[in-house]
């Protein structure tokens, strides 16, 4: 199986899984709820944003490089696991893929009536 074929495959992950929880209450395998990680809204008061805005002020056009050479066609998927018992959260990175879904039913192979 080539890299290209692996990246084009649909990745399907169950909505919950049993895995190790390192919370203070648990410290053993527990059931975790799985969601996909999504970055939060960027703050206007973060140091980098304040510096960038201050540099952009006044005359002189665009002061920092704007990225145009996008090469990747896939993203690394980050899962957010939340322990159902103690609510401790942890993140888990899985391989690169184009298509990703949580808890979809598998299509049955063979003939369907």
C-alpha atoms as a PDB file:
ATOM      1  CA  UNK A   1       0.000   0.000   0.000  1.00  0.00           C
ATOM      2  CA  UNK A   2       1.544   3.308  -1.060  1.00  0.00           C
ATOM      3  CA  UNK A   3       1.534   6.522   0.949  1.00  0.00           C
ATOM      4  CA  UNK A   4      -0.900   8.117  -1.496  1.00  0.00           C
ATOM      5  CA  UNK A   5      -3.372   5.230  -1.145  1.00  0.00           C
ATOM      6  CA  UNK A   6      -3.139   5.382   2.644  1.00  0.00           C
ATOM      7  CA  UNK A   7      -3.817   9.127   2.687  1.00  0.00           C
ATOM      8  CA  UNK A   8      -6.867   8.797   0.443  1.00  0.00           C
ATOM      9  CA  UNK A   9      -8.491   6.181   2.688  1.00  0.00           C
ATOM     10  CA  UNK A  10     -11.376   7.185   4.917  1.00  0.00           C
ATOM     11  CA  UNK A  11     -10.310   7.100   8.565  1.00  0.00           C
ATOM     12  CA  UNK A  12     -13.118   6.038  10.843  1.00  0.00           C
ATOM     13  CA  UNK A  13     -12.786   6.217  14.636  1.00  0.00           C
ATOM     14  CA  UNK A  14     -15.345   5.170  17.287  1.00  0.00           C
ATOM     15  CA  UNK A  15     -16.886   7.902  19.469  1.00  0.00           C
ATOM     16  CA  UNK A  16     -15.576   6.280  22.634  1.00  0.00           C
ATOM     17  CA  UNK A  17     -12.637   4.048  23.501  1.00  0.00           C
ATOM     18  CA  UNK A  18     -11.071   2.480  26.551  1.00  0.00           C
ATOM     19  CA  UNK A  19      -7.600   3.854  27.173  1.00  0.00           C
ATOM     20  CA  UNK A  20      -5.266   4.846  30.019  1.00  0.00           C
ATOM     21  CA  UNK A  21      -6.299   7.857  32.088  1.00  0.00           C
ATOM     22  CA  UNK A  22      -3.541   9.567  34.053  1.00  0.00           C
ATOM     23  CA  UNK A  23      -5.910  11.731  36.081  1.00  0.00           C
ATOM     24  CA  UNK A  24      -5.361  11.912  39.850  1.00  0.00           C
ATOM     25  CA  UNK A  25      -8.547   9.934  40.562  1.00  0.00           C
ATOM     26  CA  UNK A  26      -8.083   7.217  37.917  1.00  0.00           C
ATOM     27  CA  UNK A  27      -4.565   6.100  36.971  1.00  0.00           C
ATOM     28  CA  UNK A  28      -5.914   3.137  34.999  1.00  0.00           C
ATOM     29  CA  UNK A  29      -7.804   2.304  31.784  1.00  0.00           C
ATOM     30  CA  UNK A  30     -11.177   4.034  31.597  1.00  0.00           C
ATOM     31  CA  UNK A  31     -13.760   4.821  28.941  1.00  0.00           C
ATOM     32  CA  UNK A  32     -12.953   8.078  27.087  1.00  0.00           C
ATOM     33  CA  UNK A  33     -15.225  10.192  24.904  1.00  0.00           C
ATOM     34  CA  UNK A  34     -13.522  11.167  21.614  1.00  0.00           C
ATOM     35  CA  UNK A  35     -13.996  14.454  19.763  1.00  0.00           C
ATOM     36  CA  UNK A  36     -11.910  16.153  17.102  1.00  0.00           C
ATOM     37  CA  UNK A  37      -9.642  18.970  18.306  1.00  0.00           C
ATOM     38  CA  UNK A  38     -10.415  22.389  16.876  1.00  0.00           C
ATOM     39  CA  UNK A  39      -8.235  25.457  17.457  1.00  0.00           C
ATOM     40  CA  UNK A  40      -9.881  28.250  19.430  1.00  0.00           C
ATOM     41  CA  UNK A  41     -10.473  31.784  18.198  1.00  0.00           C
ATOM     42  CA  UNK A  42      -7.219  33.780  18.005  1.00  0.00           C
ATOM     43  CA  UNK A  43      -6.995  36.490  20.653  1.00  0.00           C
ATOM     44  CA  UNK A  44      -6.378  40.112  19.647  1.00  0.00           C
ATOM     45  CA  UNK A  45      -4.326  40.644  22.791  1.00  0.00           C
ATOM     46  CA  UNK A  46      -1.734  37.890  22.306  1.00  0.00           C
ATOM     47  CA  UNK A  47       1.807  39.335  22.172  1.00  0.00           C
ATOM     48  CA  UNK A  48       2.421  38.290  18.563  1.00  0.00           C
ATOM     49  CA  UNK A  49      -0.839  39.856  17.327  1.00  0.00           C
ATOM     50  CA  UNK A  50      -0.133  43.126  19.202  1.00  0.00           C
ATOM     51  CA  UNK A  51       3.371  43.273  17.717  1.00  0.00           C
ATOM     52  CA  UNK A  52       2.083  42.506  14.198  1.00  0.00           C
ATOM     53  CA  UNK A  53      -0.675  45.152  14.402  1.00  0.00           C
ATOM     54  CA  UNK A  54       1.749  47.737  15.697  1.00  0.00           C
ATOM     55  CA  UNK A  55       4.191  46.979  12.852  1.00  0.00           C
ATOM     56  CA  UNK A  56       1.407  47.177  10.240  1.00  0.00           C
ATOM     57  CA  UNK A  57       0.254  50.640  11.386  1.00  0.00           C
ATOM     58  CA  UNK A  58       0.987  53.698   9.251  1.00  0.00           C
ATOM     59  CA  UNK A  59       2.502  53.711   5.771  1.00  0.00           C
ATOM     60  CA  UNK A  60       4.715  51.070   4.203  1.00  0.00           C
ATOM     61  CA  UNK A  61       2.365  48.314   3.088  1.00  0.00           C
ATOM     62  CA  UNK A  62       2.611  44.669   4.180  1.00  0.00           C
ATOM     63  CA  UNK A  63       5.548  44.286   6.565  1.00  0.00           C
ATOM     64  CA  UNK A  64       5.697  40.542   7.097  1.00  0.00           C
ATOM     65  CA  UNK A  65       5.670  37.697   4.556  1.00  0.00           C
ATOM     66  CA  UNK A  66       2.279  36.267   3.557  1.00  0.00           C
ATOM     67  CA  UNK A  67       2.442  32.495   3.020  1.00  0.00           C
ATOM     68  CA  UNK A  68       1.394  31.324  -0.470  1.00  0.00           C
ATOM     69  CA  UNK A  69       3.301  28.075  -1.202  1.00  0.00           C
ATOM     70  CA  UNK A  70       0.848  25.586   0.293  1.00  0.00           C
ATOM     71  CA  UNK A  71       2.133  22.084  -0.447  1.00  0.00           C
ATOM     72  CA  UNK A  72       0.239  19.711   1.842  1.00  0.00           C
ATOM     73  CA  UNK A  73      -3.095  18.243   0.790  1.00  0.00           C
ATOM     74  CA  UNK A  74      -3.782  16.430   4.062  1.00  0.00           C
ATOM     75  CA  UNK A  75      -3.911  17.366   7.727  1.00  0.00           C
ATOM     76  CA  UNK A  76      -2.719  15.584  10.829  1.00  0.00           C
ATOM     77  CA  UNK A  77      -5.811  14.676  12.816  1.00  0.00           C
ATOM     78  CA  UNK A  78      -5.794  15.496  16.523  1.00  0.00           C
ATOM     79  CA  UNK A  79      -8.249  13.654  18.780  1.00  0.00           C
ATOM     80  CA  UNK A  80      -9.404  15.047  22.125  1.00  0.00           C
ATOM     81  CA  UNK A  81     -10.039  12.295  24.661  1.00  0.00           C
ATOM     82  CA  UNK A  82     -12.092  13.070  27.758  1.00  0.00           C
ATOM     83  CA  UNK A  83     -12.281  10.558  30.609  1.00  0.00           C
ATOM     84  CA  UNK A  84     -15.908   9.822  31.409  1.00  0.00           C
ATOM     85  CA  UNK A  85     -15.135   9.362  35.106  1.00  0.00           C
ATOM     86  CA  UNK A  86     -12.823  12.217  36.108  1.00  0.00           C
ATOM     87  CA  UNK A  87     -13.253  14.502  33.033  1.00  0.00           C
ATOM     88  CA  UNK A  88      -9.461  14.690  32.471  1.00  0.00           C
ATOM     89  CA  UNK A  89      -8.692  15.610  28.859  1.00  0.00           C
ATOM     90  CA  UNK A  90      -5.761  14.535  26.717  1.00  0.00           C
ATOM     91  CA  UNK A  91      -4.854  14.858  23.051  1.00  0.00           C
ATOM     92  CA  UNK A  92      -3.808  12.146  20.638  1.00  0.00           C
ATOM     93  CA  UNK A  93      -2.362  12.753  17.165  1.00  0.00           C
ATOM     94  CA  UNK A  94      -3.152  10.232  14.442  1.00  0.00           C
ATOM     95  CA  UNK A  95      -1.626  10.011  10.954  1.00  0.00           C
ATOM     96  CA  UNK A  96      -2.262  12.378   8.073  1.00  0.00           C
ATOM     97  CA  UNK A  97      -5.471  11.863   6.152  1.00  0.00           C
ATOM     98  CA  UNK A  98      -7.829  13.711   3.821  1.00  0.00           C
ATOM     99  CA  UNK A  99     -11.065  12.145   5.043  1.00  0.00           C
ATOM    100  CA  UNK A 100     -11.857  11.635   8.701  1.00  0.00           C
ATOM    101  CA  UNK A 101     -15.054  10.766  10.518  1.00  0.00           C
ATOM    102  CA  UNK A 102     -16.086   9.888  14.046  1.00  0.00           C
ATOM    103  CA  UNK A 103     -18.266   6.870  14.721  1.00  0.00           C
ATOM    104  CA  UNK A 104     -19.815   6.246  11.310  1.00  0.00           C
ATOM    105  CA  UNK A 105     -21.191   2.773  10.667  1.00  0.00           C
ATOM    106  CA  UNK A 106     -19.106   0.545   8.396  1.00  0.00           C
ATOM    107  CA  UNK A 107     -20.719  -0.428   5.125  1.00  0.00           C
ATOM    108  CA  UNK A 108     -21.399  -4.165   5.116  1.00  0.00           C
ATOM    109  CA  UNK A 109     -19.412  -6.106   2.549  1.00  0.00           C
ATOM    110  CA  UNK A 110     -21.167  -8.479   0.179  1.00  0.00           C
ATOM    111  CA  UNK A 111     -24.756  -8.632  -1.013  1.00  0.00           C
ATOM    112  CA  UNK A 112     -27.493  -6.643   0.696  1.00  0.00           C
ATOM    113  CA  UNK A 113     -31.157  -7.575   0.418  1.00  0.00           C
END
